[in-house]
Amino acid sequence: MNVTLCREDGVYQAGGELMAKWRVRRISMDDLQSIEVSVLWHTEGKGDEDLHVHHFHRIVESQIRQIGFADEQAIRCVLPASPLSYQGHLITVRWCIRMRLFMQDGRKIMAEQPFHLVAPGAYPIATSAARNRTGAVDPDDGSGVSDGMTIASLGQ
């Protein structure tokens, strides 16, 4: 399975729109019970670790069979004003798209694609694809693939 951000740099403005694509590969539809795709933030560091789901979409077995896996699927949501991504000595706030597959045999497979949520205007973000004179997409326009995905297989 993979999750692909619409911005290569993985930086999104608070209040802006997050768009990403996801796809399940190398797993039979018959082996899947459900799929969950969510946009969330979590904290790491001293004290209690917090987790908050901002956007959630669950696809049950009957829906999996209807949509199939031939094409990429899309997720999009408007991001909140806070909390912003933060890397500190005592605490870190991380945003990600989390995809979880629930298998018929009880196993769970999870992938996370991290991204950064920044204050509006704090980082120059192109609003549309910049094209050079040949018509090719400029690599700095944010339309490429991010390679920072983490995959974990969780036991029963």
N, C-alpha and C. Protein backbone atom coordinates (compact mmCIF):
# COMPACT_ATOMS: atom_id res chain seq x y z
N MET A 1 0.85 -1.17 0.00
CA MET A 1 0.00 0.00 0.00
C MET A 1 0.89 1.23 0.00
N ASN A 2 0.37 2.29 -0.54
CA ASN A 2 1.13 3.53 -0.50
C ASN A 2 0.19 4.73 -0.40
N VAL A 3 0.74 5.80 0.17
CA VAL A 3 0.05 7.08 0.29
C VAL A 3 0.96 8.12 -0.35
N THR A 4 0.41 8.92 -1.26
CA THR A 4 1.19 9.91 -1.98
C THR A 4 0.60 11.29 -1.74
N LEU A 5 1.39 12.19 -1.19
CA LEU A 5 0.95 13.56 -0.98
C LEU A 5 0.94 14.31 -2.30
N CYS A 6 0.12 15.34 -2.41
CA CYS A 6 0.08 16.15 -3.63
C CYS A 6 1.22 17.16 -3.66
N ARG A 7 1.90 17.34 -2.55
CA ARG A 7 3.05 18.25 -2.48
C ARG A 7 4.30 17.46 -2.17
N GLU A 8 5.30 17.61 -3.00
CA GLU A 8 6.56 16.89 -2.82
C GLU A 8 7.24 17.25 -1.51
N ASP A 9 7.17 18.52 -1.11
CA ASP A 9 7.83 18.95 0.12
C ASP A 9 7.04 18.60 1.37
N GLY A 10 5.79 18.19 1.23
CA GLY A 10 4.99 17.78 2.37
C GLY A 10 4.61 18.90 3.32
N VAL A 11 4.60 20.14 2.85
CA VAL A 11 4.28 21.29 3.68
C VAL A 11 2.92 21.85 3.26
N TYR A 12 2.02 22.00 4.23
CA TYR A 12 0.66 22.48 3.99
C TYR A 12 0.34 23.61 4.96
N GLN A 13 -0.41 24.60 4.49
CA GLN A 13 -0.78 25.73 5.34
C GLN A 13 -2.01 25.40 6.17
N ALA A 14 -2.02 25.88 7.41
CA ALA A 14 -3.20 25.75 8.27
C ALA A 14 -4.37 26.42 7.57
N GLY A 15 -5.52 25.76 7.56
CA GLY A 15 -6.69 26.28 6.88
C GLY A 15 -6.73 25.96 5.40
N GLY A 16 -5.64 25.40 4.88
CA GLY A 16 -5.57 25.03 3.47
C GLY A 16 -6.08 23.62 3.24
N GLU A 17 -6.05 23.21 2.00
CA GLU A 17 -6.57 21.89 1.64
C GLU A 17 -5.43 20.88 1.49
N LEU A 18 -5.64 19.73 2.09
CA LEU A 18 -4.72 18.60 1.93
C LEU A 18 -5.34 17.67 0.91
N MET A 19 -4.55 17.30 -0.08
CA MET A 19 -4.99 16.31 -1.06
C MET A 19 -3.91 15.24 -1.15
N ALA A 20 -4.34 13.99 -1.20
CA ALA A 20 -3.40 12.88 -1.32
C ALA A 20 -4.10 11.74 -2.04
N LYS A 21 -3.30 10.81 -2.50
CA LYS A 21 -3.84 9.61 -3.16
C LYS A 21 -3.31 8.40 -2.42
N TRP A 22 -4.11 7.34 -2.41
CA TRP A 22 -3.68 6.11 -1.77
C TRP A 22 -4.08 4.93 -2.63
N ARG A 23 -3.36 3.84 -2.42
CA ARG A 23 -3.60 2.63 -3.20
C ARG A 23 -3.15 1.42 -2.38
N VAL A 24 -3.90 0.35 -2.52
CA VAL A 24 -3.54 -0.93 -1.91
C VAL A 24 -3.01 -1.82 -3.01
N ARG A 25 -1.85 -2.41 -2.77
CA ARG A 25 -1.23 -3.32 -3.74
C ARG A 25 -0.76 -4.58 -3.02
N ARG A 26 -0.61 -5.62 -3.81
CA ARG A 26 -0.05 -6.90 -3.32
C ARG A 26 -0.87 -7.54 -2.21
N ILE A 27 -2.12 -7.14 -2.10
CA ILE A 27 -3.01 -7.76 -1.12
C ILE A 27 -4.31 -8.07 -1.85
N SER A 28 -4.79 -9.27 -1.70
CA SER A 28 -6.03 -9.67 -2.35
C SER A 28 -7.22 -9.00 -1.67
N MET A 29 -8.20 -8.58 -2.47
CA MET A 29 -9.42 -7.99 -1.90
C MET A 29 -10.12 -8.99 -0.99
N ASP A 30 -9.99 -10.27 -1.27
CA ASP A 30 -10.62 -11.30 -0.45
C ASP A 30 -10.03 -11.36 0.95
N ASP A 31 -8.79 -10.87 1.11
CA ASP A 31 -8.13 -10.89 2.42
C ASP A 31 -8.46 -9.67 3.28
N LEU A 32 -9.10 -8.66 2.69
CA LEU A 32 -9.38 -7.41 3.40
C LEU A 32 -10.77 -7.40 4.03
N GLN A 33 -10.81 -6.96 5.27
CA GLN A 33 -12.08 -6.78 5.97
C GLN A 33 -12.53 -5.32 5.89
N SER A 34 -11.57 -4.39 6.08
CA SER A 34 -11.87 -2.96 5.98
C SER A 34 -10.58 -2.16 5.83
N ILE A 35 -10.76 -0.90 5.42
CA ILE A 35 -9.64 0.04 5.26
C ILE A 35 -10.04 1.33 5.97
N GLU A 36 -9.10 1.89 6.71
CA GLU A 36 -9.31 3.19 7.33
C GLU A 36 -8.23 4.15 6.83
N VAL A 37 -8.66 5.33 6.42
CA VAL A 37 -7.74 6.39 6.01
C VAL A 37 -8.07 7.61 6.85
N SER A 38 -7.07 8.14 7.55
CA SER A 38 -7.33 9.28 8.43
C SER A 38 -6.21 10.30 8.36
N VAL A 39 -6.56 11.53 8.68
CA VAL A 39 -5.60 12.62 8.82
C VAL A 39 -5.58 12.94 10.31
N LEU A 40 -4.40 12.90 10.91
CA LEU A 40 -4.32 13.07 12.36
C LEU A 40 -3.03 13.74 12.77
N TRP A 41 -3.01 14.20 14.02
CA TRP A 41 -1.78 14.68 14.63
C TRP A 41 -1.57 13.93 15.94
N HIS A 42 -0.31 13.81 16.32
CA HIS A 42 0.01 13.19 17.60
C HIS A 42 1.24 13.86 18.18
N THR A 43 1.37 13.77 19.48
CA THR A 43 2.53 14.36 20.16
C THR A 43 3.47 13.25 20.59
N GLU A 44 4.73 13.62 20.69
CA GLU A 44 5.76 12.73 21.23
C GLU A 44 6.60 13.56 22.19
N GLY A 45 7.16 12.90 23.20
CA GLY A 45 8.04 13.61 24.12
C GLY A 45 7.63 13.42 25.56
N LYS A 46 7.98 14.41 26.38
CA LYS A 46 7.69 14.33 27.81
C LYS A 46 6.20 14.39 28.08
N GLY A 47 5.79 13.70 29.12
CA GLY A 47 4.38 13.74 29.52
C GLY A 47 3.52 12.80 28.70
N ASP A 48 2.23 13.03 28.80
CA ASP A 48 1.27 12.19 28.07
C ASP A 48 1.37 12.45 26.58
N GLU A 49 1.24 11.39 25.81
CA GLU A 49 1.21 11.53 24.36
C GLU A 49 -0.24 11.64 23.92
N ASP A 50 -0.52 12.66 23.13
CA ASP A 50 -1.87 12.91 22.64
C ASP A 50 -1.99 12.50 21.19
N LEU A 51 -3.21 12.16 20.78
CA LEU A 51 -3.51 11.83 19.39
C LEU A 51 -4.91 12.36 19.11
N HIS A 52 -5.05 13.05 17.98
CA HIS A 52 -6.36 13.57 17.59
C HIS A 52 -6.58 13.32 16.11
N VAL A 53 -7.69 12.71 15.78
CA VAL A 53 -8.04 12.44 14.38
C VAL A 53 -8.85 13.62 13.86
N HIS A 54 -8.33 14.26 12.82
CA HIS A 54 -8.99 15.42 12.22
C HIS A 54 -9.98 14.99 11.13
N HIS A 55 -9.63 13.98 10.34
CA HIS A 55 -10.48 13.52 9.23
C HIS A 55 -10.39 11.99 9.20
N PHE A 56 -11.54 11.32 9.01
CA PHE A 56 -11.56 9.86 9.07
C PHE A 56 -12.49 9.32 7.99
N HIS A 57 -12.03 8.27 7.33
CA HIS A 57 -12.86 7.60 6.32
C HIS A 57 -12.63 6.09 6.45
N ARG A 58 -13.71 5.34 6.63
CA ARG A 58 -13.63 3.88 6.75
C ARG A 58 -14.34 3.27 5.55
N ILE A 59 -13.70 2.27 4.96
CA ILE A 59 -14.27 1.56 3.82
C ILE A 59 -14.47 0.11 4.25
N VAL A 60 -15.72 -0.33 4.25
CA VAL A 60 -16.03 -1.69 4.68
C VAL A 60 -15.94 -2.65 3.50
N GLU A 61 -16.01 -3.93 3.80
CA GLU A 61 -15.79 -4.99 2.82
C GLU A 61 -16.63 -4.83 1.55
N SER A 62 -17.91 -4.54 1.69
CA SER A 62 -18.77 -4.40 0.51
C SER A 62 -18.34 -3.22 -0.36
N GLN A 63 -17.89 -2.13 0.26
CA GLN A 63 -17.41 -0.97 -0.50
C GLN A 63 -16.08 -1.26 -1.18
N ILE A 64 -15.23 -2.05 -0.53
CA ILE A 64 -13.94 -2.43 -1.12
C ILE A 64 -14.18 -3.14 -2.44
N ARG A 65 -15.13 -4.04 -2.46
CA ARG A 65 -15.43 -4.79 -3.69
C ARG A 65 -16.00 -3.87 -4.78
N GLN A 66 -16.75 -2.85 -4.39
CA GLN A 66 -17.32 -1.92 -5.37
C GLN A 66 -16.25 -1.05 -6.02
N ILE A 67 -15.35 -0.49 -5.21
CA ILE A 67 -14.35 0.43 -5.77
C ILE A 67 -13.17 -0.29 -6.38
N GLY A 68 -12.85 -1.49 -5.87
CA GLY A 68 -11.69 -2.22 -6.39
C GLY A 68 -10.40 -1.47 -6.12
N PHE A 69 -9.32 -1.97 -6.69
CA PHE A 69 -8.01 -1.35 -6.46
C PHE A 69 -7.28 -1.03 -7.75
N ALA A 70 -7.98 -1.03 -8.87
CA ALA A 70 -7.32 -0.76 -10.15
C ALA A 70 -6.78 0.67 -10.20
N ASP A 71 -7.50 1.61 -9.59
CA ASP A 71 -7.11 3.02 -9.63
C ASP A 71 -6.75 3.52 -8.24
N GLU A 72 -5.96 4.59 -8.21
CA GLU A 72 -5.68 5.25 -6.94
C GLU A 72 -6.97 5.87 -6.41
N GLN A 73 -7.08 5.93 -5.12
CA GLN A 73 -8.21 6.57 -4.46
C GLN A 73 -7.71 7.90 -3.88
N ALA A 74 -8.61 8.85 -3.69
CA ALA A 74 -8.21 10.17 -3.21
C ALA A 74 -8.74 10.44 -1.82
N ILE A 75 -7.99 11.22 -1.08
CA ILE A 75 -8.44 11.76 0.20
C ILE A 75 -8.17 13.26 0.15
N ARG A 76 -9.13 14.03 0.63
CA ARG A 76 -8.93 15.47 0.70
C ARG A 76 -9.71 16.00 1.88
N CYS A 77 -9.13 17.02 2.51
CA CYS A 77 -9.81 17.67 3.63
C CYS A 77 -9.20 19.05 3.82
N VAL A 78 -9.96 19.92 4.47
CA VAL A 78 -9.46 21.24 4.85
C VAL A 78 -8.77 21.07 6.20
N LEU A 79 -7.54 21.53 6.29
CA LEU A 79 -6.77 21.39 7.51
C LEU A 79 -7.15 22.46 8.53
N PRO A 80 -7.03 22.15 9.81
CA PRO A 80 -7.41 23.12 10.85
C PRO A 80 -6.35 24.21 11.04
N ALA A 81 -6.68 25.19 11.86
CA ALA A 81 -5.75 26.28 12.16
C ALA A 81 -4.63 25.84 13.10
N SER A 82 -4.86 24.80 13.87
CA SER A 82 -3.86 24.33 14.83
C SER A 82 -4.18 22.90 15.24
N PRO A 83 -3.25 22.20 15.86
CA PRO A 83 -1.91 22.64 16.21
C PRO A 83 -0.98 22.57 15.00
N LEU A 84 -0.03 23.46 14.96
CA LEU A 84 0.96 23.46 13.89
C LEU A 84 2.03 22.41 14.20
N SER A 85 2.68 21.92 13.17
CA SER A 85 3.80 20.99 13.37
C SER A 85 4.86 21.70 14.20
N TYR A 86 5.48 20.95 15.11
CA TYR A 86 6.46 21.55 16.01
C TYR A 86 7.48 20.50 16.41
N GLN A 87 8.75 20.89 16.38
CA GLN A 87 9.84 20.00 16.82
C GLN A 87 10.58 20.72 17.93
N GLY A 88 10.36 20.30 19.17
CA GLY A 88 11.01 20.94 20.31
C GLY A 88 11.82 19.95 21.12
N HIS A 89 12.45 20.44 22.18
CA HIS A 89 13.25 19.57 23.04
C HIS A 89 12.38 18.68 23.91
N LEU A 90 11.25 19.20 24.36
CA LEU A 90 10.39 18.44 25.26
C LEU A 90 9.20 17.79 24.57
N ILE A 91 8.74 18.39 23.49
CA ILE A 91 7.56 17.85 22.81
C ILE A 91 7.67 18.07 21.30
N THR A 92 7.07 17.16 20.57
CA THR A 92 6.99 17.25 19.11
C THR A 92 5.55 17.02 18.71
N VAL A 93 5.05 17.84 17.80
CA VAL A 93 3.71 17.66 17.23
C VAL A 93 3.90 17.23 15.79
N ARG A 94 3.39 16.06 15.46
CA ARG A 94 3.53 15.50 14.11
C ARG A 94 2.15 15.28 13.48
N TRP A 95 2.04 15.65 12.21
CA TRP A 95 0.84 15.40 11.41
C TRP A 95 1.13 14.28 10.43
N CYS A 96 0.11 13.48 10.11
CA CYS A 96 0.30 12.42 9.12
C CYS A 96 -1.05 11.97 8.54
N ILE A 97 -0.95 11.29 7.43
CA ILE A 97 -2.08 10.54 6.89
C ILE A 97 -1.79 9.10 7.29
N ARG A 98 -2.73 8.49 7.96
CA ARG A 98 -2.57 7.10 8.42
C ARG A 98 -3.55 6.21 7.66
N MET A 99 -3.03 5.14 7.14
CA MET A 99 -3.86 4.16 6.43
C MET A 99 -3.72 2.83 7.16
N ARG A 100 -4.86 2.26 7.53
CA ARG A 100 -4.83 0.97 8.22
C ARG A 100 -5.67 -0.04 7.45
N LEU A 101 -5.09 -1.20 7.24
CA LEU A 101 -5.80 -2.31 6.60
C LEU A 101 -6.12 -3.33 7.68
N PHE A 102 -7.36 -3.75 7.73
CA PHE A 102 -7.80 -4.78 8.66
C PHE A 102 -8.05 -6.04 7.85
N MET A 103 -7.28 -7.08 8.14
CA MET A 103 -7.32 -8.30 7.36
C MET A 103 -8.35 -9.28 7.94
N GLN A 104 -8.83 -10.17 7.10
CA GLN A 104 -9.80 -11.19 7.51
C GLN A 104 -9.26 -12.07 8.64
N ASP A 105 -7.93 -12.32 8.65
CA ASP A 105 -7.34 -13.19 9.66
C ASP A 105 -7.02 -12.47 10.97
N GLY A 106 -7.44 -11.19 11.09
CA GLY A 106 -7.24 -10.45 12.33
C GLY A 106 -6.00 -9.57 12.34
N ARG A 107 -5.11 -9.72 11.38
CA ARG A 107 -3.92 -8.86 11.33
C ARG A 107 -4.31 -7.45 10.92
N LYS A 108 -3.45 -6.50 11.30
CA LYS A 108 -3.60 -5.10 10.90
C LYS A 108 -2.29 -4.64 10.27
N ILE A 109 -2.40 -3.91 9.19
CA ILE A 109 -1.23 -3.33 8.54
C ILE A 109 -1.45 -1.83 8.51
N MET A 110 -0.42 -1.08 8.91
CA MET A 110 -0.57 0.37 9.02
C MET A 110 0.55 1.07 8.25
N ALA A 111 0.21 2.15 7.56
CA ALA A 111 1.19 3.01 6.90
C ALA A 111 0.90 4.44 7.29
N GLU A 112 1.95 5.21 7.50
CA GLU A 112 1.80 6.63 7.82
C GLU A 112 2.62 7.45 6.84
N GLN A 113 2.04 8.52 6.34
CA GLN A 113 2.74 9.48 5.48
C GLN A 113 2.76 10.81 6.22
N PRO A 114 3.91 11.19 6.77
CA PRO A 114 3.97 12.45 7.53
C PRO A 114 3.91 13.67 6.61
N PHE A 115 3.43 14.78 7.17
CA PHE A 115 3.48 16.07 6.49
C PHE A 115 3.59 17.15 7.55
N HIS A 116 3.88 18.38 7.13
CA HIS A 116 4.05 19.50 8.06
C HIS A 116 2.92 20.49 7.88
N LEU A 117 2.32 20.89 8.99
CA LEU A 117 1.29 21.92 9.00
C LEU A 117 1.93 23.20 9.51
N VAL A 118 1.90 24.26 8.68
CA VAL A 118 2.56 25.53 9.03
C VAL A 118 1.54 26.66 9.02
N ALA A 119 1.91 27.78 9.66
CA ALA A 119 1.04 28.96 9.70
C ALA A 119 0.89 29.54 8.29
N PRO A 120 -0.28 30.07 7.97
CA PRO A 120 -0.46 30.70 6.65
C PRO A 120 0.58 31.79 6.43
N GLY A 121 1.21 31.78 5.27
CA GLY A 121 2.21 32.78 4.92
C GLY A 121 3.59 32.51 5.48
N ALA A 122 3.74 31.49 6.32
CA ALA A 122 5.05 31.20 6.92
C ALA A 122 5.98 30.47 5.96
N TYR A 123 5.44 29.93 4.90
CA TYR A 123 6.23 29.13 3.97
C TYR A 123 5.66 29.35 2.58
N PRO A 124 6.49 29.65 1.58
CA PRO A 124 5.95 29.89 0.23
C PRO A 124 5.40 28.60 -0.38
N ILE A 125 4.09 28.57 -0.60
CA ILE A 125 3.44 27.38 -1.16
C ILE A 125 2.75 27.79 -2.45
N ALA A 126 3.11 27.12 -3.55
CA ALA A 126 2.47 27.39 -4.84
C ALA A 126 1.03 26.91 -4.79
N THR A 127 0.12 27.69 -5.36
CA THR A 127 -1.28 27.31 -5.35
C THR A 127 -1.69 26.54 -6.59
N SER A 128 -0.88 26.59 -7.64
CA SER A 128 -1.18 25.80 -8.83
C SER A 128 0.13 25.33 -9.43
N ALA A 129 0.06 24.33 -10.28
CA ALA A 129 1.26 23.74 -10.88
C ALA A 129 1.98 24.78 -11.74
N ALA A 130 3.26 24.98 -11.44
CA ALA A 130 4.08 25.88 -12.24
C ALA A 130 4.65 25.08 -13.41
N ARG A 131 4.51 25.61 -14.60
CA ARG A 131 5.00 24.89 -15.77
C ARG A 131 6.12 25.71 -16.42
N ASN A 132 7.16 24.99 -16.90
CA ASN A 132 8.23 25.68 -17.60
C ASN A 132 7.87 25.83 -19.07
N ARG A 133 8.77 26.37 -19.86
CA ARG A 133 8.45 26.66 -21.26
C ARG A 133 8.14 25.42 -22.08
N THR A 134 8.60 24.25 -21.68
CA THR A 134 8.31 23.04 -22.44
C THR A 134 6.98 22.43 -22.05
N GLY A 135 6.33 22.99 -21.03
CA GLY A 135 5.04 22.47 -20.58
C GLY A 135 5.17 21.42 -19.49
N ALA A 136 6.41 21.08 -19.12
CA ALA A 136 6.62 20.09 -18.07
C ALA A 136 6.36 20.72 -16.72
N VAL A 137 5.92 19.93 -15.78
CA VAL A 137 5.67 20.43 -14.43
C VAL A 137 6.99 20.71 -13.76
N ASP A 138 7.10 21.91 -13.18
CA ASP A 138 8.30 22.30 -12.45
C ASP A 138 8.40 21.44 -11.20
N PRO A 139 9.57 20.87 -10.89
CA PRO A 139 9.68 19.99 -9.73
C PRO A 139 9.43 20.68 -8.40
N ASP A 140 9.45 22.01 -8.37
CA ASP A 140 9.22 22.72 -7.12
C ASP A 140 7.76 23.07 -6.89
N ASP A 141 6.85 22.59 -7.75
CA ASP A 141 5.45 22.98 -7.62
C ASP A 141 4.69 22.14 -6.61
N GLY A 142 5.31 21.09 -6.07
CA GLY A 142 4.65 20.30 -5.05
C GLY A 142 3.75 19.21 -5.59
N SER A 143 3.87 18.86 -6.85
CA SER A 143 2.98 17.83 -7.40
C SER A 143 3.61 16.45 -7.41
N GLY A 144 4.80 16.31 -6.85
CA GLY A 144 5.50 15.03 -6.91
C GLY A 144 5.13 14.11 -5.77
N VAL A 145 5.92 13.08 -5.61
CA VAL A 145 5.66 12.03 -4.64
C VAL A 145 6.58 12.21 -3.44
N SER A 146 6.05 12.08 -2.27
CA SER A 146 6.86 12.11 -1.07
C SER A 146 7.21 10.69 -0.68
N ASP A 147 8.48 10.48 -0.29
CA ASP A 147 8.95 9.13 0.02
C ASP A 147 9.03 8.84 1.51
N GLY A 148 8.40 9.65 2.37
CA GLY A 148 8.58 9.50 3.79
C GLY A 148 7.61 8.56 4.48
N MET A 149 6.96 7.66 3.76
CA MET A 149 5.94 6.80 4.34
C MET A 149 6.55 5.73 5.24
N THR A 150 5.92 5.47 6.35
CA THR A 150 6.32 4.42 7.27
C THR A 150 5.25 3.34 7.27
N ILE A 151 5.66 2.08 7.16
CA ILE A 151 4.71 0.97 7.15
C ILE A 151 5.01 0.07 8.34
N ALA A 152 3.96 -0.36 9.02
CA ALA A 152 4.11 -1.27 10.14
C ALA A 152 3.05 -2.35 10.05
N SER A 153 3.41 -3.55 10.43
CA SER A 153 2.45 -4.65 10.50
C SER A 153 2.19 -4.93 11.97
N LEU A 154 0.94 -4.88 12.35
CA LEU A 154 0.58 -5.05 13.75
C LEU A 154 -0.02 -6.42 13.96
N GLY A 155 0.35 -7.08 15.02
CA GLY A 155 -0.19 -8.40 15.32
C GLY A 155 -1.64 -8.34 15.72
N GLN A 156 -2.20 -9.48 16.01
CA GLN A 156 -3.62 -9.57 16.37
C GLN A 156 -3.93 -8.89 17.67
